[in-house]
Amino acid sequence: MIKDKRSYTRYAVFLGKWTCSKISLSCANGPYTMITVDNVSGSGLGVTSHEKLAKGESVELELVFPGDDIPIFVKGRVAWVRKDPDVGNLYHAGVHFTKIHTYDKKRLIKYLHGSATGQA
């Protein structure tokens, strides 16, 4: 769990603990294929990509978690982008959710809380 000034607690994604079994992110420029989710909250997520996202860019995400075959569809906006100081072609970005169905948001928060407490 990562606490900061955000409305929702961010949960770090640990391989082996839990991860998105599928994530697809698309925008006006087409789909991003090389993307990794670093952390997730009820209001957004942090990603790492070899492709640079543009700050302010509108994105659509499809998230599927292990043990749950029903995807969560989310619309968001890229809030910030930073180039990795150690890896030349790697970028970190924050995506703020702008549209997520209430039911999907509850599922997401329940899944995050369950995996943080070992109940997922």
PDB file of N, CA and C in Angstrom:
ATOM      1  N   MET A   1       0.832  -1.165   0.000  1.00  0.00           N
ATOM      2  CA  MET A   1       0.000   0.000   0.000  1.00  0.00           C
ATOM      3  C   MET A   1       0.884   1.238   0.000  1.00  0.00           C
ATOM      4  N   ILE A   2       0.532   2.212  -0.799  1.00  0.00           N
ATOM      5  CA  ILE A   2       1.288   3.447  -0.886  1.00  0.00           C
ATOM      6  C   ILE A   2       0.348   4.579  -0.491  1.00  0.00           C
ATOM      7  N   LYS A   3       0.658   5.299   0.588  1.00  0.00           N
ATOM      8  CA  LYS A   3      -0.203   6.388   1.034  1.00  0.00           C
ATOM      9  C   LYS A   3       0.396   7.715   0.584  1.00  0.00           C
ATOM     10  N   ASP A   4      -0.458   8.599   0.116  1.00  0.00           N
ATOM     11  CA  ASP A   4      -0.053   9.944  -0.252  1.00  0.00           C
ATOM     12  C   ASP A   4      -1.285  10.829  -0.251  1.00  0.00           C
ATOM     13  N   LYS A   5      -1.313  11.899  -1.018  1.00  0.00           N
ATOM     14  CA  LYS A   5      -2.414  12.848  -0.990  1.00  0.00           C
ATOM     15  C   LYS A   5      -3.606  12.426  -1.852  1.00  0.00           C
ATOM     16  N   ARG A   6      -3.537  11.288  -2.498  1.00  0.00           N
ATOM     17  CA  ARG A   6      -4.628  10.845  -3.358  1.00  0.00           C
ATOM     18  C   ARG A   6      -5.856  10.467  -2.537  1.00  0.00           C
ATOM     19  N   SER A   7      -7.018  10.461  -3.196  1.00  0.00           N
ATOM     20  CA  SER A   7      -8.283  10.104  -2.542  1.00  0.00           C
ATOM     21  C   SER A   7      -8.341   8.630  -2.183  1.00  0.00           C
ATOM     22  N   TYR A   8      -7.701   7.786  -2.993  1.00  0.00           N
ATOM     23  CA  TYR A   8      -7.710   6.350  -2.775  1.00  0.00           C
ATOM     24  C   TYR A   8      -6.288   5.860  -2.549  1.00  0.00           C
ATOM     25  N   THR A   9      -6.137   4.848  -1.731  1.00  0.00           N
ATOM     26  CA  THR A   9      -4.838   4.236  -1.507  1.00  0.00           C
ATOM     27  C   THR A   9      -4.398   3.531  -2.773  1.00  0.00           C
ATOM     28  N   ARG A  10      -3.135   3.713  -3.145  1.00  0.00           N
ATOM     29  CA  ARG A  10      -2.580   2.999  -4.297  1.00  0.00           C
ATOM     30  C   ARG A  10      -2.023   1.681  -3.805  1.00  0.00           C
ATOM     31  N   TYR A  11      -2.207   0.645  -4.599  1.00  0.00           N
ATOM     32  CA  TYR A  11      -1.667  -0.665  -4.277  1.00  0.00           C
ATOM     33  C   TYR A  11      -0.601  -1.003  -5.306  1.00  0.00           C
ATOM     34  N   ALA A  12       0.607  -1.259  -4.837  1.00  0.00           N
ATOM     35  CA  ALA A  12       1.699  -1.631  -5.737  1.00  0.00           C
ATOM     36  C   ALA A  12       1.403  -2.991  -6.343  1.00  0.00           C
ATOM     37  N   VAL A  13       1.812  -3.174  -7.561  1.00  0.00           N
ATOM     38  CA  VAL A  13       1.601  -4.434  -8.259  1.00  0.00           C
ATOM     39  C   VAL A  13       2.868  -5.254  -8.126  1.00  0.00           C
ATOM     40  N   PHE A  14       2.779  -6.395  -7.467  1.00  0.00           N
ATOM     41  CA  PHE A  14       3.917  -7.285  -7.303  1.00  0.00           C
ATOM     42  C   PHE A  14       3.690  -8.530  -8.139  1.00  0.00           C
ATOM     43  N   LEU A  15       4.615  -8.855  -8.994  1.00  0.00           N
ATOM     44  CA  LEU A  15       4.473 -10.081  -9.761  1.00  0.00           C
ATOM     45  C   LEU A  15       4.459 -11.256  -8.795  1.00  0.00           C
ATOM     46  N   GLY A  16       3.545 -12.167  -8.973  1.00  0.00           N
ATOM     47  CA  GLY A  16       3.404 -13.288  -8.072  1.00  0.00           C
ATOM     48  C   GLY A  16       2.371 -13.008  -6.991  1.00  0.00           C
ATOM     49  N   LYS A  17       2.254 -11.784  -6.517  1.00  0.00           N
ATOM     50  CA  LYS A  17       1.230 -11.415  -5.528  1.00  0.00           C
ATOM     51  C   LYS A  17      -0.102 -11.250  -6.245  1.00  0.00           C
ATOM     52  N   TRP A  18      -0.167 -10.319  -7.144  1.00  0.00           N
ATOM     53  CA  TRP A  18      -1.280 -10.181  -8.069  1.00  0.00           C
ATOM     54  C   TRP A  18      -0.833  -9.257  -9.169  1.00  0.00           C
ATOM     55  N   THR A  19      -1.439  -9.392 -10.260  1.00  0.00           N
ATOM     56  CA  THR A  19      -1.150  -8.510 -11.387  1.00  0.00           C
ATOM     57  C   THR A  19      -2.355  -8.520 -12.297  1.00  0.00           C
ATOM     58  N   CYS A  20      -2.430  -7.582 -13.169  1.00  0.00           N
ATOM     59  CA  CYS A  20      -3.470  -7.625 -14.186  1.00  0.00           C
ATOM     60  C   CYS A  20      -3.094  -8.753 -15.129  1.00  0.00           C
ATOM     61  N   SER A  21      -3.991  -9.694 -15.336  1.00  0.00           N
ATOM     62  CA  SER A  21      -3.680 -10.752 -16.291  1.00  0.00           C
ATOM     63  C   SER A  21      -3.812 -10.224 -17.706  1.00  0.00           C
ATOM     64  N   LYS A  22      -4.491  -9.100 -17.864  1.00  0.00           N
ATOM     65  CA  LYS A  22      -4.575  -8.463 -19.169  1.00  0.00           C
ATOM     66  C   LYS A  22      -4.761  -6.976 -18.957  1.00  0.00           C
ATOM     67  N   ILE A  23      -4.033  -6.187 -19.694  1.00  0.00           N
ATOM     68  CA  ILE A  23      -4.282  -4.749 -19.734  1.00  0.00           C
ATOM     69  C   ILE A  23      -4.099  -4.304 -21.171  1.00  0.00           C
ATOM     70  N   SER A  24      -5.029  -3.541 -21.657  1.00  0.00           N
ATOM     71  CA  SER A  24      -4.834  -2.903 -22.942  1.00  0.00           C
ATOM     72  C   SER A  24      -5.163  -1.436 -22.786  1.00  0.00           C
ATOM     73  N   LEU A  25      -4.336  -0.610 -23.360  1.00  0.00           N
ATOM     74  CA  LEU A  25      -4.483   0.827 -23.281  1.00  0.00           C
ATOM     75  C   LEU A  25      -4.482   1.341 -24.698  1.00  0.00           C
ATOM     76  N   SER A  26      -5.507   2.079 -25.071  1.00  0.00           N
ATOM     77  CA  SER A  26      -5.537   2.639 -26.416  1.00  0.00           C
ATOM     78  C   SER A  26      -5.888   4.107 -26.346  1.00  0.00           C
ATOM     79  N   CYS A  27      -5.494   4.818 -27.388  1.00  0.00           N
ATOM     80  CA  CYS A  27      -5.739   6.246 -27.460  1.00  0.00           C
ATOM     81  C   CYS A  27      -5.873   6.627 -28.929  1.00  0.00           C
ATOM     82  N   ALA A  28      -5.888   7.895 -29.205  1.00  0.00           N
ATOM     83  CA  ALA A  28      -6.052   8.369 -30.581  1.00  0.00           C
ATOM     84  C   ALA A  28      -4.934   7.869 -31.496  1.00  0.00           C
ATOM     85  N   ASN A  29      -3.748   7.654 -30.947  1.00  0.00           N
ATOM     86  CA  ASN A  29      -2.606   7.206 -31.745  1.00  0.00           C
ATOM     87  C   ASN A  29      -2.547   5.696 -31.914  1.00  0.00           C
ATOM     88  N   GLY A  30      -3.537   4.978 -31.381  1.00  0.00           N
ATOM     89  CA  GLY A  30      -3.550   3.524 -31.494  1.00  0.00           C
ATOM     90  C   GLY A  30      -3.250   2.869 -30.162  1.00  0.00           C
ATOM     91  N   PRO A  31      -3.179   1.535 -30.157  1.00  0.00           N
ATOM     92  CA  PRO A  31      -2.952   0.824 -28.897  1.00  0.00           C
ATOM     93  C   PRO A  31      -1.484   0.850 -28.467  1.00  0.00           C
ATOM     94  N   TYR A  32      -1.281   0.847 -27.171  1.00  0.00           N
ATOM     95  CA  TYR A  32       0.053   0.687 -26.608  1.00  0.00           C
ATOM     96  C   TYR A  32       0.227  -0.786 -26.287  1.00  0.00           C
ATOM     97  N   THR A  33       1.315  -1.362 -26.741  1.00  0.00           N
ATOM     98  CA  THR A  33       1.492  -2.796 -26.573  1.00  0.00           C
ATOM     99  C   THR A  33       2.477  -3.146 -25.469  1.00  0.00           C
ATOM    100  N   MET A  34       3.420  -2.296 -25.197  1.00  0.00           N
ATOM    101  CA  MET A  34       4.448  -2.575 -24.193  1.00  0.00           C
ATOM    102  C   MET A  34       4.161  -1.742 -22.948  1.00  0.00           C
ATOM    103  N   ILE A  35       3.217  -2.187 -22.137  1.00  0.00           N
ATOM    104  CA  ILE A  35       2.836  -1.413 -20.962  1.00  0.00           C
ATOM    105  C   ILE A  35       2.747  -2.323 -19.743  1.00  0.00           C
ATOM    106  N   THR A  36       3.206  -1.819 -18.615  1.00  0.00           N
ATOM    107  CA  THR A  36       3.171  -2.552 -17.353  1.00  0.00           C
ATOM    108  C   THR A  36       2.492  -1.675 -16.319  1.00  0.00           C
ATOM    109  N   VAL A  37       1.597  -2.260 -15.537  1.00  0.00           N
ATOM    110  CA  VAL A  37       0.954  -1.517 -14.452  1.00  0.00           C
ATOM    111  C   VAL A  37       1.857  -1.594 -13.228  1.00  0.00           C
ATOM    112  N   ASP A  38       2.196  -0.442 -12.649  1.00  0.00           N
ATOM    113  CA  ASP A  38       3.047  -0.380 -11.461  1.00  0.00           C
ATOM    114  C   ASP A  38       2.223  -0.322 -10.179  1.00  0.00           C
ATOM    115  N   ASN A  39       1.136   0.438 -10.204  1.00  0.00           N
ATOM    116  CA  ASN A  39       0.270   0.554  -9.035  1.00  0.00           C
ATOM    117  C   ASN A  39      -1.128   0.936  -9.494  1.00  0.00           C
ATOM    118  N   VAL A  40      -2.100   0.622  -8.659  1.00  0.00           N
ATOM    119  CA  VAL A  40      -3.500   0.850  -8.997  1.00  0.00           C
ATOM    120  C   VAL A  40      -4.222   1.390  -7.774  1.00  0.00           C
ATOM    121  N   SER A  41      -5.184   2.265  -8.002  1.00  0.00           N
ATOM    122  CA  SER A  41      -6.068   2.725  -6.933  1.00  0.00           C
ATOM    123  C   SER A  41      -7.476   2.800  -7.505  1.00  0.00           C
ATOM    124  N   GLY A  42      -8.409   3.250  -6.708  1.00  0.00           N
ATOM    125  CA  GLY A  42      -9.771   3.406  -7.180  1.00  0.00           C
ATOM    126  C   GLY A  42      -9.954   4.583  -8.111  1.00  0.00           C
ATOM    127  N   SER A  43      -8.939   5.446  -8.220  1.00  0.00           N
ATOM    128  CA  SER A  43      -9.072   6.632  -9.066  1.00  0.00           C
ATOM    129  C   SER A  43      -8.028   6.730 -10.168  1.00  0.00           C
ATOM    130  N   GLY A  44      -7.118   5.759 -10.257  1.00  0.00           N
ATOM    131  CA  GLY A  44      -6.121   5.831 -11.315  1.00  0.00           C
ATOM    132  C   GLY A  44      -5.083   4.743 -11.179  1.00  0.00           C
ATOM    133  N   LEU A  45      -4.091   4.815 -12.050  1.00  0.00           N
ATOM    134  CA  LEU A  45      -3.016   3.832 -11.999  1.00  0.00           C
ATOM    135  C   LEU A  45      -1.723   4.426 -12.524  1.00  0.00           C
ATOM    136  N   GLY A  46      -0.633   3.791 -12.129  1.00  0.00           N
ATOM    137  CA  GLY A  46       0.686   4.168 -12.620  1.00  0.00           C
ATOM    138  C   GLY A  46       1.155   3.098 -13.581  1.00  0.00           C
ATOM    139  N   VAL A  47       1.739   3.511 -14.691  1.00  0.00           N
ATOM    140  CA  VAL A  47       2.193   2.566 -15.703  1.00  0.00           C
ATOM    141  C   VAL A  47       3.627   2.868 -16.111  1.00  0.00           C
ATOM    142  N   THR A  48       4.259   1.842 -16.668  1.00  0.00           N
ATOM    143  CA  THR A  48       5.580   1.973 -17.271  1.00  0.00           C
ATOM    144  C   THR A  48       5.454   1.484 -18.704  1.00  0.00           C
ATOM    145  N   SER A  49       6.081   2.200 -19.629  1.00  0.00           N
ATOM    146  CA  SER A  49       5.965   1.847 -21.039  1.00  0.00           C
ATOM    147  C   SER A  49       7.240   2.217 -21.786  1.00  0.00           C
ATOM    148  N   HIS A  50       7.518   1.454 -22.829  1.00  0.00           N
ATOM    149  CA  HIS A  50       8.616   1.815 -23.728  1.00  0.00           C
ATOM    150  C   HIS A  50       8.137   2.808 -24.771  1.00  0.00           C
ATOM    151  N   GLU A  51       6.846   3.046 -24.800  1.00  0.00           N
ATOM    152  CA  GLU A  51       6.256   4.029 -25.704  1.00  0.00           C
ATOM    153  C   GLU A  51       5.824   5.224 -24.863  1.00  0.00           C
ATOM    154  N   LYS A  52       6.170   6.438 -25.305  1.00  0.00           N
ATOM    155  CA  LYS A  52       5.865   7.630 -24.525  1.00  0.00           C
ATOM    156  C   LYS A  52       4.401   8.025 -24.696  1.00  0.00           C
ATOM    157  N   LEU A  53       3.699   8.115 -23.585  1.00  0.00           N
ATOM    158  CA  LEU A  53       2.336   8.634 -23.588  1.00  0.00           C
ATOM    159  C   LEU A  53       2.426  10.149 -23.514  1.00  0.00           C
ATOM    160  N   ALA A  54       1.420  10.829 -23.993  1.00  0.00           N
ATOM    161  CA  ALA A  54       1.414  12.292 -23.965  1.00  0.00           C
ATOM    162  C   ALA A  54       0.581  12.783 -22.785  1.00  0.00           C
ATOM    163  N   LYS A  55       1.116  13.723 -22.014  1.00  0.00           N
ATOM    164  CA  LYS A  55       0.369  14.304 -20.905  1.00  0.00           C
ATOM    165  C   LYS A  55      -0.919  14.918 -21.456  1.00  0.00           C
ATOM    166  N   GLY A  56      -2.036  14.651 -20.788  1.00  0.00           N
ATOM    167  CA  GLY A  56      -3.324  15.170 -21.217  1.00  0.00           C
ATOM    168  C   GLY A  56      -4.056  14.267 -22.199  1.00  0.00           C
ATOM    169  N   GLU A  57      -3.368  13.234 -22.676  1.00  0.00           N
ATOM    170  CA  GLU A  57      -3.946  12.318 -23.654  1.00  0.00           C
ATOM    171  C   GLU A  57      -5.085  11.518 -23.029  1.00  0.00           C
ATOM    172  N   SER A  58      -6.183  11.369 -23.758  1.00  0.00           N
ATOM    173  CA  SER A  58      -7.293  10.527 -23.320  1.00  0.00           C
ATOM    174  C   SER A  58      -6.978   9.085 -23.674  1.00  0.00           C
ATOM    175  N   VAL A  59      -7.233   8.179 -22.739  1.00  0.00           N
ATOM    176  CA  VAL A  59      -6.937   6.767 -22.957  1.00  0.00           C
ATOM    177  C   VAL A  59      -8.138   5.921 -22.544  1.00  0.00           C
ATOM    178  N   GLU A  60      -8.205   4.732 -23.096  1.00  0.00           N
ATOM    179  CA  GLU A  60      -9.197   3.740 -22.702  1.00  0.00           C
ATOM    180  C   GLU A  60      -8.444   2.508 -22.253  1.00  0.00           C
ATOM    181  N   LEU A  61      -8.856   1.954 -21.120  1.00  0.00           N
ATOM    182  CA  LEU A  61      -8.184   0.793 -20.557  1.00  0.00           C
ATOM    183  C   LEU A  61      -9.156  -0.354 -20.387  1.00  0.00           C
ATOM    184  N   GLU A  62      -8.624  -1.547 -20.567  1.00  0.00           N
ATOM    185  CA  GLU A  62      -9.359  -2.765 -20.253  1.00  0.00           C
ATOM    186  C   GLU A  62      -8.493  -3.540 -19.278  1.00  0.00           C
ATOM    187  N   LEU A  63      -9.006  -3.763 -18.076  1.00  0.00           N
ATOM    188  CA  LEU A  63      -8.264  -4.463 -17.037  1.00  0.00           C
ATOM    189  C   LEU A  63      -8.951  -5.782 -16.736  1.00  0.00           C
ATOM    190  N   VAL A  64      -8.176  -6.852 -16.692  1.00  0.00           N
ATOM    191  CA  VAL A  64      -8.694  -8.159 -16.305  1.00  0.00           C
ATOM    192  C   VAL A  64      -7.760  -8.685 -15.216  1.00  0.00           C
ATOM    193  N   PHE A  65      -8.338  -9.098 -14.099  1.00  0.00           N
ATOM    194  CA  PHE A  65      -7.552  -9.589 -12.982  1.00  0.00           C
ATOM    195  C   PHE A  65      -7.656 -11.101 -12.882  1.00  0.00           C
ATOM    196  N   PRO A  66      -6.635 -11.761 -12.346  1.00  0.00           N
ATOM    197  CA  PRO A  66      -6.677 -13.219 -12.186  1.00  0.00           C
ATOM    198  C   PRO A  66      -7.906 -13.655 -11.397  1.00  0.00           C
ATOM    199  N   GLY A  67      -8.537 -14.716 -11.867  1.00  0.00           N
ATOM    200  CA  GLY A  67      -9.708 -15.243 -11.192  1.00  0.00           C
ATOM    201  C   GLY A  67     -10.992 -14.513 -11.505  1.00  0.00           C
ATOM    202  N   ASP A  68     -10.917 -13.489 -12.343  1.00  0.00           N
ATOM    203  CA  ASP A  68     -12.106 -12.718 -12.714  1.00  0.00           C
ATOM    204  C   ASP A  68     -12.033 -12.451 -14.209  1.00  0.00           C
ATOM    205  N   ASP A  69     -12.808 -13.177 -14.979  1.00  0.00           N
ATOM    206  CA  ASP A  69     -12.738 -13.060 -16.435  1.00  0.00           C
ATOM    207  C   ASP A  69     -13.532 -11.887 -16.994  1.00  0.00           C
ATOM    208  N   ILE A  70     -14.238 -11.159 -16.131  1.00  0.00           N
ATOM    209  CA  ILE A  70     -15.039 -10.032 -16.604  1.00  0.00           C
ATOM    210  C   ILE A  70     -14.164  -8.775 -16.588  1.00  0.00           C
ATOM    211  N   PRO A  71     -13.923  -8.190 -17.763  1.00  0.00           N
ATOM    212  CA  PRO A  71     -13.037  -7.014 -17.813  1.00  0.00           C
ATOM    213  C   PRO A  71     -13.658  -5.778 -17.168  1.00  0.00           C
ATOM    214  N   ILE A  72     -12.795  -4.923 -16.690  1.00  0.00           N
ATOM    215  CA  ILE A  72     -13.179  -3.607 -16.190  1.00  0.00           C
ATOM    216  C   ILE A  72     -12.742  -2.605 -17.250  1.00  0.00           C
ATOM    217  N   PHE A  73     -13.702  -1.867 -17.790  1.00  0.00           N
ATOM    218  CA  PHE A  73     -13.399  -0.860 -18.810  1.00  0.00           C
ATOM    219  C   PHE A  73     -13.367   0.511 -18.154  1.00  0.00           C
ATOM    220  N   VAL A  74     -12.308   1.251 -18.448  1.00  0.00           N
ATOM    221  CA  VAL A  74     -12.082   2.545 -17.821  1.00  0.00           C
ATOM    222  C   VAL A  74     -11.629   3.546 -18.877  1.00  0.00           C
ATOM    223  N   LYS A  75     -12.098   4.764 -18.744  1.00  0.00           N
ATOM    224  CA  LYS A  75     -11.559   5.869 -19.543  1.00  0.00           C
ATOM    225  C   LYS A  75     -10.744   6.728 -18.594  1.00  0.00           C
ATOM    226  N   GLY A  76      -9.664   7.279 -19.107  1.00  0.00           N
ATOM    227  CA  GLY A  76      -8.798   8.087 -18.261  1.00  0.00           C
ATOM    228  C   GLY A  76      -8.048   9.135 -19.041  1.00  0.00           C
ATOM    229  N   ARG A  77      -7.261   9.898 -18.312  1.00  0.00           N
ATOM    230  CA  ARG A  77      -6.434  10.941 -18.912  1.00  0.00           C
ATOM    231  C   ARG A  77      -5.044  10.831 -18.298  1.00  0.00           C
ATOM    232  N   VAL A  78      -4.034  10.942 -19.137  1.00  0.00           N
ATOM    233  CA  VAL A  78      -2.647  10.885 -18.665  1.00  0.00           C
ATOM    234  C   VAL A  78      -2.366  12.162 -17.879  1.00  0.00           C
ATOM    235  N   ALA A  79      -2.090  12.007 -16.592  1.00  0.00           N
ATOM    236  CA  ALA A  79      -1.874  13.151 -15.699  1.00  0.00           C
ATOM    237  C   ALA A  79      -0.426  13.642 -15.728  1.00  0.00           C
ATOM    238  N   TRP A  80       0.511  12.722 -15.883  1.00  0.00           N
ATOM    239  CA  TRP A  80       1.929  13.090 -15.902  1.00  0.00           C
ATOM    240  C   TRP A  80       2.725  11.998 -16.617  1.00  0.00           C
ATOM    241  N   VAL A  81       3.878  12.390 -17.147  1.00  0.00           N
ATOM    242  CA  VAL A  81       4.785  11.453 -17.814  1.00  0.00           C
ATOM    243  C   VAL A  81       6.207  11.837 -17.428  1.00  0.00           C
ATOM    244  N   ARG A  82       7.007  10.839 -17.060  1.00  0.00           N
ATOM    245  CA  ARG A  82       8.421  11.080 -16.733  1.00  0.00           C
ATOM    246  C   ARG A  82       9.285  10.036 -17.428  1.00  0.00           C
ATOM    247  N   LYS A  83      10.377  10.483 -17.976  1.00  0.00           N
ATOM    248  CA  LYS A  83      11.340   9.565 -18.573  1.00  0.00           C
ATOM    249  C   LYS A  83      12.160   8.931 -17.458  1.00  0.00           C
ATOM    250  N   ASP A  84      12.395   7.633 -17.562  1.00  0.00           N
ATOM    251  CA  ASP A  84      13.205   6.946 -16.556  1.00  0.00           C
ATOM    252  C   ASP A  84      14.632   7.467 -16.660  1.00  0.00           C
ATOM    253  N   PRO A  85      15.229   7.904 -15.549  1.00  0.00           N
ATOM    254  CA  PRO A  85      16.573   8.473 -15.616  1.00  0.00           C
ATOM    255  C   PRO A  85      17.659   7.434 -15.907  1.00  0.00           C
ATOM    256  N   ASP A  86      17.348   6.156 -15.680  1.00  0.00           N
ATOM    257  CA  ASP A  86      18.362   5.120 -15.849  1.00  0.00           C
ATOM    258  C   ASP A  86      18.214   4.312 -17.130  1.00  0.00           C
ATOM    259  N   VAL A  87      17.007   4.281 -17.692  1.00  0.00           N
ATOM    260  CA  VAL A  87      16.754   3.491 -18.894  1.00  0.00           C
ATOM    261  C   VAL A  87      16.259   4.445 -19.981  1.00  0.00           C
ATOM    262  N   GLY A  88      17.026   4.584 -21.042  1.00  0.00           N
ATOM    263  CA  GLY A  88      16.767   5.589 -22.066  1.00  0.00           C
ATOM    264  C   GLY A  88      15.400   5.569 -22.718  1.00  0.00           C
ATOM    265  N   ASN A  89      14.861   4.401 -22.990  1.00  0.00           N
ATOM    266  CA  ASN A  89      13.587   4.356 -23.710  1.00  0.00           C
ATOM    267  C   ASN A  89      12.449   3.840 -22.827  1.00  0.00           C
ATOM    268  N   LEU A  90      12.447   4.220 -21.562  1.00  0.00           N
ATOM    269  CA  LEU A  90      11.416   3.777 -20.636  1.00  0.00           C
ATOM    270  C   LEU A  90      10.750   5.007 -20.019  1.00  0.00           C
ATOM    271  N   TYR A  91       9.415   4.980 -19.957  1.00  0.00           N
ATOM    272  CA  TYR A  91       8.649   6.108 -19.443  1.00  0.00           C
ATOM    273  C   TYR A  91       7.695   5.638 -18.341  1.00  0.00           C
ATOM    274  N   HIS A  92       7.515   6.486 -17.347  1.00  0.00           N
ATOM    275  CA  HIS A  92       6.553   6.242 -16.272  1.00  0.00           C
ATOM    276  C   HIS A  92       5.450   7.281 -16.441  1.00  0.00           C
ATOM    277  N   ALA A  93       4.204   6.864 -16.205  1.00  0.00           N
ATOM    278  CA  ALA A  93       3.085   7.789 -16.370  1.00  0.00           C
ATOM    279  C   ALA A  93       2.003   7.486 -15.353  1.00  0.00           C
ATOM    280  N   GLY A  94       1.246   8.506 -15.020  1.00  0.00           N
ATOM    281  CA  GLY A  94       0.084   8.362 -14.157  1.00  0.00           C
ATOM    282  C   GLY A  94      -1.169   8.603 -14.961  1.00  0.00           C
ATOM    283  N   VAL A  95      -2.140   7.720 -14.806  1.00  0.00           N
ATOM    284  CA  VAL A  95      -3.418   7.852 -15.513  1.00  0.00           C
ATOM    285  C   VAL A  95      -4.519   8.037 -14.474  1.00  0.00           C
ATOM    286  N   HIS A  96      -5.249   9.134 -14.603  1.00  0.00           N
ATOM    287  CA  HIS A  96      -6.380   9.417 -13.719  1.00  0.00           C
ATOM    288  C   HIS A  96      -7.650   8.923 -14.404  1.00  0.00           C
ATOM    289  N   PHE A  97      -8.447   8.120 -13.697  1.00  0.00           N
ATOM    290  CA  PHE A  97      -9.694   7.631 -14.271  1.00  0.00           C
ATOM    291  C   PHE A  97     -10.677   8.789 -14.414  1.00  0.00           C
ATOM    292  N   THR A  98     -11.251   8.945 -15.604  1.00  0.00           N
ATOM    293  CA  THR A  98     -12.270   9.970 -15.820  1.00  0.00           C
ATOM    294  C   THR A  98     -13.654   9.355 -15.935  1.00  0.00           C
ATOM    295  N   LYS A  99     -13.715   8.071 -16.271  1.00  0.00           N
ATOM    296  CA  LYS A  99     -15.010   7.394 -16.358  1.00  0.00           C
ATOM    297  C   LYS A  99     -14.829   5.916 -16.042  1.00  0.00           C
ATOM    298  N   ILE A 100     -15.511   5.473 -14.992  1.00  0.00           N
ATOM    299  CA  ILE A 100     -15.527   4.068 -14.615  1.00  0.00           C
ATOM    300  C   ILE A 100     -16.905   3.794 -14.026  1.00  0.00           C
ATOM    301  N   HIS A 101     -17.535   2.757 -14.473  1.00  0.00           N
ATOM    302  CA  HIS A 101     -18.864   2.398 -13.980  1.00  0.00           C
ATOM    303  C   HIS A 101     -18.783   2.136 -12.477  1.00  0.00           C
ATOM    304  N   THR A 102     -19.785   2.571 -11.734  1.00  0.00           N
ATOM    305  CA  THR A 102     -19.803   2.418 -10.277  1.00  0.00           C
ATOM    306  C   THR A 102     -19.574   0.968  -9.858  1.00  0.00           C
ATOM    307  N   TYR A 103     -20.224   0.044 -10.540  1.00  0.00           N
ATOM    308  CA  TYR A 103     -20.064  -1.380 -10.220  1.00  0.00           C
ATOM    309  C   TYR A 103     -18.617  -1.825 -10.432  1.00  0.00           C
ATOM    310  N   ASP A 104     -18.001  -1.385 -11.539  1.00  0.00           N
ATOM    311  CA  ASP A 104     -16.608  -1.751 -11.808  1.00  0.00           C
ATOM    312  C   ASP A 104     -15.659  -1.139 -10.781  1.00  0.00           C
ATOM    313  N   LYS A 105     -15.948   0.084 -10.357  1.00  0.00           N
ATOM    314  CA  LYS A 105     -15.101   0.730  -9.348  1.00  0.00           C
ATOM    315  C   LYS A 105     -15.160  -0.047  -8.033  1.00  0.00           C
ATOM    316  N   LYS A 106     -16.356  -0.493  -7.659  1.00  0.00           N
ATOM    317  CA  LYS A 106     -16.501  -1.292  -6.442  1.00  0.00           C
ATOM    318  C   LYS A 106     -15.758  -2.616  -6.577  1.00  0.00           C
ATOM    319  N   ARG A 107     -15.849  -3.258  -7.749  1.00  0.00           N
ATOM    320  CA  ARG A 107     -15.131  -4.511  -7.989  1.00  0.00           C
ATOM    321  C   ARG A 107     -13.625  -4.283  -7.878  1.00  0.00           C
ATOM    322  N   LEU A 108     -13.146  -3.199  -8.473  1.00  0.00           N
ATOM    323  CA  LEU A 108     -11.720  -2.888  -8.456  1.00  0.00           C
ATOM    324  C   LEU A 108     -11.234  -2.675  -7.024  1.00  0.00           C
ATOM    325  N   ILE A 109     -11.940  -1.855  -6.263  1.00  0.00           N
ATOM    326  CA  ILE A 109     -11.530  -1.570  -4.884  1.00  0.00           C
ATOM    327  C   ILE A 109     -11.595  -2.836  -4.039  1.00  0.00           C
ATOM    328  N   LYS A 110     -12.642  -3.635  -4.226  1.00  0.00           N
ATOM    329  CA  LYS A 110     -12.761  -4.890  -3.484  1.00  0.00           C
ATOM    330  C   LYS A 110     -11.604  -5.826  -3.819  1.00  0.00           C
ATOM    331  N   TYR A 111     -11.257  -5.902  -5.097  1.00  0.00           N
ATOM    332  CA  TYR A 111     -10.142  -6.778  -5.501  1.00  0.00           C
ATOM    333  C   TYR A 111      -8.832  -6.266  -4.915  1.00  0.00           C
ATOM    334  N   LEU A 112      -8.591  -4.971  -4.995  1.00  0.00           N
ATOM    335  CA  LEU A 112      -7.340  -4.402  -4.466  1.00  0.00           C
ATOM    336  C   LEU A 112      -7.241  -4.625  -2.964  1.00  0.00           C
ATOM    337  N   HIS A 113      -8.322  -4.364  -2.254  1.00  0.00           N
ATOM    338  CA  HIS A 113      -8.310  -4.558  -0.799  1.00  0.00           C
ATOM    339  C   HIS A 113      -8.112  -6.034  -0.457  1.00  0.00           C
ATOM    340  N   GLY A 114      -8.781  -6.917  -1.184  1.00  0.00           N
ATOM    341  CA  GLY A 114      -8.637  -8.343  -0.940  1.00  0.00           C
ATOM    342  C   GLY A 114      -7.243  -8.853  -1.198  1.00  0.00           C
ATOM    343  N   SER A 115      -6.602  -8.359  -2.257  1.00  0.00           N
ATOM    344  CA  SER A 115      -5.247  -8.831  -2.548  1.00  0.00           C
ATOM    345  C   SER A 115      -4.241  -8.242  -1.572  1.00  0.00           C
ATOM    346  N   ALA A 116      -4.515  -7.044  -1.049  1.00  0.00           N
ATOM    347  CA  ALA A 116      -3.609  -6.456  -0.073  1.00  0.00           C
ATOM    348  C   ALA A 116      -3.690  -7.183   1.262  1.00  0.00           C
ATOM    349  N   THR A 117      -4.863  -7.760   1.555  1.00  0.00           N
ATOM    350  CA  THR A 117      -5.040  -8.448   2.828  1.00  0.00           C
ATOM    351  C   THR A 117      -4.942  -9.978   2.667  1.00  0.00           C
ATOM    352  N   GLY A 118      -4.624 -10.435   1.442  1.00  0.00           N
ATOM    353  CA  GLY A 118      -4.465 -11.853   1.205  1.00  0.00           C
ATOM    354  C   GLY A 118      -5.771 -12.597   0.996  1.00  0.00           C
ATOM    355  N   GLN A 119      -6.854 -11.872   0.716  1.00  0.00           N
ATOM    356  CA  GLN A 119      -8.160 -12.492   0.555  1.00  0.00           C
ATOM    357  C   GLN A 119      -8.598 -12.583  -0.893  1.00  0.00           C
ATOM    358  N   ALA A 120      -7.793 -12.156  -1.845  1.00  0.00           N
ATOM    359  CA  ALA A 120      -8.182 -12.200  -3.260  1.00  0.00           C
ATOM    360  C   ALA A 120      -7.907 -13.548  -3.860  1.00  0.00           C
TER     361      ALA A 120
END
